[in-house]
C-alpha atoms as a PDB file:
ATOM      1  CA  MET A   1       0.168   0.065  -0.200  1.00  0.00           C
ATOM      2  CA  ASP A   2       1.365   3.020  -0.938  1.00  0.00           C
ATOM      3  CA  ARG A   3       1.605   5.633   1.984  1.00  0.00           C
ATOM      4  CA  THR A   4       2.709   8.764   0.176  1.00  0.00           C
ATOM      5  CA  PRO A   5       0.790  11.765   1.420  1.00  0.00           C
ATOM      6  CA  LEU A   6      -1.931  13.021  -1.742  1.00  0.00           C
ATOM      7  CA  LEU A   7      -0.991  16.610  -2.558  1.00  0.00           C
ATOM      8  CA  PRO A   8      -3.822  18.787  -4.025  1.00  0.00           C
ATOM      9  CA  SER A   9      -3.066  19.071  -7.673  1.00  0.00           C
ATOM     10  CA  SER A  10      -2.863  22.885  -7.274  1.00  0.00           C
ATOM     11  CA  VAL A  11       0.148  22.517  -4.902  1.00  0.00           C
ATOM     12  CA  LEU A  12       1.859  20.026  -7.430  1.00  0.00           C
ATOM     13  CA  ALA A  13       1.265  22.415 -10.553  1.00  0.00           C
ATOM     14  CA  GLN A  14       3.037  25.146  -8.229  1.00  0.00           C
ATOM     15  CA  ILE A  15       6.070  22.398  -7.738  1.00  0.00           C
ATOM     16  CA  ASP A  16       5.875  21.496 -11.289  1.00  0.00           C
ATOM     17  CA  ALA A  17       6.359  25.270 -12.028  1.00  0.00           C
ATOM     18  CA  LEU A  18       9.109  25.807 -10.092  1.00  0.00           C
ATOM     19  CA  LEU A  19      11.373  22.968 -11.298  1.00  0.00           C
ATOM     20  CA  ILE A  20      10.295  24.137 -14.595  1.00  0.00           C
ATOM     21  CA  ASP A  21      11.082  27.857 -14.008  1.00  0.00           C
ATOM     22  CA  PRO A  22      13.393  28.312 -11.282  1.00  0.00           C
ATOM     23  CA  ARG A  23      13.487  32.097 -10.654  1.00  0.00           C
ATOM     24  CA  GLY A  24      14.823  31.843  -7.257  1.00  0.00           C
ATOM     25  CA  SER A  25      15.701  34.972  -3.974  1.00  0.00           C
ATOM     26  CA  PHE A  26      16.710  37.031  -6.904  1.00  0.00           C
ATOM     27  CA  SER A  27      15.209  40.302  -6.787  1.00  0.00           C
ATOM     28  CA  PRO A  28      13.682  41.829 -10.502  1.00  0.00           C
ATOM     29  CA  GLN A  29      15.631  44.738 -11.733  1.00  0.00           C
ATOM     30  CA  PRO A  30      14.519  46.908 -14.758  1.00  0.00           C
ATOM     31  CA  ILE A  31      17.207  46.905 -17.264  1.00  0.00           C
ATOM     32  CA  ALA A  32      17.357  48.620 -20.509  1.00  0.00           C
ATOM     33  CA  LEU A  33      17.431  46.222 -23.702  1.00  0.00           C
ATOM     34  CA  CYS A  34      17.971  47.667 -27.495  1.00  0.00           C
ATOM     35  CA  ARG A  35      17.036  45.065 -30.036  1.00  0.00           C
ATOM     36  CA  ALA A  36      18.836  45.285 -33.892  1.00  0.00           C
ATOM     37  CA  PRO A  37      19.228  46.349 -36.245  1.00  0.00           C
ATOM     38  CA  ASP A  38      19.148  49.939 -35.383  1.00  0.00           C
ATOM     39  CA  PHE A  39      19.579  49.049 -31.714  1.00  0.00           C
ATOM     40  CA  ALA A  40      17.994  52.628 -31.710  1.00  0.00           C
ATOM     41  CA  THR A  41      14.812  52.675 -28.907  1.00  0.00           C
ATOM     42  CA  ALA A  42      15.648  51.281 -25.788  1.00  0.00           C
ATOM     43  CA  GLN A  43      12.560  48.983 -23.845  1.00  0.00           C
ATOM     44  CA  VAL A  44      12.359  48.120 -20.343  1.00  0.00           C
ATOM     45  CA  VAL A  45      12.659  44.696 -19.172  1.00  0.00           C
ATOM     46  CA  THR A  46      12.715  43.076 -15.844  1.00  0.00           C
ATOM     47  CA  LEU A  47      16.142  41.254 -15.248  1.00  0.00           C
ATOM     48  CA  VAL A  48      14.920  38.229 -13.297  1.00  0.00           C
ATOM     49  CA  THR A  49      18.492  36.190 -12.599  1.00  0.00           C
ATOM     50  CA  VAL A  50      22.118  36.708 -13.764  1.00  0.00           C
ATOM     51  CA  HIS A  51      23.790  32.903 -14.149  1.00  0.00           C
ATOM     52  CA  ASP A  52      27.217  32.283 -13.197  1.00  0.00           C
ATOM     53  CA  ASP A  53      28.552  32.524 -16.919  1.00  0.00           C
ATOM     54  CA  GLY A  54      27.305  35.993 -17.100  1.00  0.00           C
ATOM     55  CA  ALA A  55      24.198  34.885 -18.939  1.00  0.00           C
ATOM     56  CA  LEU A  56      20.804  37.545 -17.906  1.00  0.00           C
ATOM     57  CA  VAL A  57      17.369  35.854 -18.224  1.00  0.00           C
ATOM     58  CA  VAL A  58      15.037  38.679 -18.579  1.00  0.00           C
ATOM     59  CA  VAL A  59      11.209  38.787 -18.797  1.00  0.00           C
ATOM     60  CA  LEU A  60       8.845  40.183 -21.800  1.00  0.00           C
ATOM     61  CA  ALA A  61       5.708  40.904 -22.629  1.00  0.00           C
ATOM     62  CA  GLU A  62       6.466  39.029 -26.327  1.00  0.00           C
ATOM     63  CA  PRO A  63       8.524  36.834 -27.758  1.00  0.00           C
ATOM     64  CA  LEU A  64      12.089  37.842 -28.943  1.00  0.00           C
ATOM     65  CA  ALA A  65      13.656  35.288 -31.454  1.00  0.00           C
ATOM     66  CA  LEU A  66      16.422  33.137 -31.112  1.00  0.00           C
ATOM     67  CA  GLU A  67      20.001  34.478 -31.983  1.00  0.00           C
ATOM     68  CA  GLU A  68      18.438  37.738 -32.253  1.00  0.00           C
ATOM     69  CA  THR A  69      21.251  40.275 -31.425  1.00  0.00           C
ATOM     70  CA  CYS A  70      20.469  42.785 -28.726  1.00  0.00           C
ATOM     71  CA  TRP A  71      22.196  45.367 -26.329  1.00  0.00           C
ATOM     72  CA  VAL A  72      22.149  45.829 -22.420  1.00  0.00           C
ATOM     73  CA  GLU A  73      22.705  49.569 -21.613  1.00  0.00           C
ATOM     74  CA  LYS A  74      24.191  50.217 -18.310  1.00  0.00           C
ATOM     75  CA  SER A  75      21.834  50.392 -15.645  1.00  0.00           C
ATOM     76  CA  THR A  76      21.609  52.890 -12.685  1.00  0.00           C
ATOM     77  CA  HIS A  77      19.013  50.527 -11.198  1.00  0.00           C
ATOM     78  CA  SER A  78      21.115  47.172 -12.010  1.00  0.00           C
ATOM     79  CA  ASP A  79      24.639  46.141 -10.857  1.00  0.00           C
ATOM     80  CA  HIS A  80      24.270  42.536 -12.187  1.00  0.00           C
ATOM     81  CA  ALA A  81      23.544  43.136 -15.573  1.00  0.00           C
ATOM     82  CA  GLN A  82      27.479  44.098 -17.607  1.00  0.00           C
ATOM     83  CA  PRO A  83      26.423  46.375 -20.597  1.00  0.00           C
ATOM     84  CA  GLY A  84      26.812  45.083 -24.074  1.00  0.00           C
ATOM     85  CA  PRO A  85      25.978  43.022 -26.655  1.00  0.00           C
ATOM     86  CA  TYR A  86      23.934  39.563 -26.219  1.00  0.00           C
ATOM     87  CA  LEU A  87      22.498  36.883 -28.401  1.00  0.00           C
ATOM     88  CA  VAL A  88      19.004  34.994 -27.408  1.00  0.00           C
ATOM     89  CA  SER A  89      19.928  31.977 -26.913  1.00  0.00           C
ATOM     90  CA  GLU A  90      16.565  30.840 -24.798  1.00  0.00           C
ATOM     91  CA  VAL A  91      12.927  31.602 -25.552  1.00  0.00           C
ATOM     92  CA  ARG A  92      10.059  29.859 -23.693  1.00  0.00           C
ATOM     93  CA  GLU A  93       6.673  31.077 -22.156  1.00  0.00           C
ATOM     94  CA  GLY A  94       6.875  31.545 -18.641  1.00  0.00           C
ATOM     95  CA  ASN A  95       4.640  28.723 -17.039  1.00  0.00           C
ATOM     96  CA  ARG A  96       4.375  29.686 -13.205  1.00  0.00           C
ATOM     97  CA  PRO A  97       0.620  29.688 -12.095  1.00  0.00           C
ATOM     98  CA  GLU A  98       1.033  34.016 -11.560  1.00  0.00           C
ATOM     99  CA  ASP A  99       2.336  33.781 -15.517  1.00  0.00           C
ATOM    100  CA  THR A 100      -1.190  32.447 -16.518  1.00  0.00           C
ATOM    101  CA  HIS A 101      -2.752  36.104 -15.501  1.00  0.00           C
ATOM    102  CA  ALA A 102      -0.173  37.918 -18.384  1.00  0.00           C
ATOM    103  CA  LEU A 103       1.263  36.286 -20.534  1.00  0.00           C
ATOM    104  CA  CYS A 104       5.210  36.761 -20.129  1.00  0.00           C
ATOM    105  CA  TRP A 105       8.514  34.983 -22.313  1.00  0.00           C
ATOM    106  CA  ILE A 106      11.345  33.852 -20.664  1.00  0.00           C
ATOM    107  CA  HIS A 107      14.499  35.064 -21.924  1.00  0.00           C
ATOM    108  CA  VAL A 108      18.395  34.172 -21.706  1.00  0.00           C
ATOM    109  CA  LEU A 109      20.223  35.974 -23.214  1.00  0.00           C
ATOM    110  CA  ARG A 110      24.411  35.244 -23.468  1.00  0.00           C
ATOM    111  CA  PRO A 111      27.195  37.689 -23.856  1.00  0.00           C
ATOM    112  CA  ASP A 112      28.081  37.371 -27.461  1.00  0.00           C
ATOM    113  CA  PRO A 113      31.446  37.937 -27.650  1.00  0.00           C
ATOM    114  CA  TRP A 114      31.889  37.690 -31.647  1.00  0.00           C
ATOM    115  CA  ALA A 115      29.833  40.902 -32.055  1.00  0.00           C
ATOM    116  CA  ASP A 116      31.361  43.695 -33.599  1.00  0.00           C
ATOM    117  CA  THR A 117      31.128  46.472 -30.427  1.00  0.00           C
ATOM    118  CA  VAL A 118      32.323  49.136 -32.747  1.00  0.00           C
ATOM    119  CA  ALA A 119      29.688  48.440 -35.139  1.00  0.00           C
ATOM    120  CA  LEU A 120      26.964  48.284 -32.310  1.00  0.00           C
ATOM    121  CA  THR A 121      28.138  51.579 -30.352  1.00  0.00           C
END
């Protein structure tokens, strides 16, 4: 006989969402993101975490294209996001329960060491 306690499905859904979409205890911060090709207009996005390798995890209301080049501007709100060129390496829909109220897209931006920073500035 299985004596594993049964958890309500809502709790199981929250656990699954945290395992798939771990945002941790990092305090979300606004950063300015400029998109190719002209980088002229900055949009404020939410930085939710920074990986050890310098990759940024940001949340936007719409998806960016994979491999899209972006520029993160120097921020007075965040010391965590290094300014410079980034490539969109992952894009997925947010899957936490609170994300169902307002669709959001989770993006991983990796520093782009091959970017021509002279052409981007």
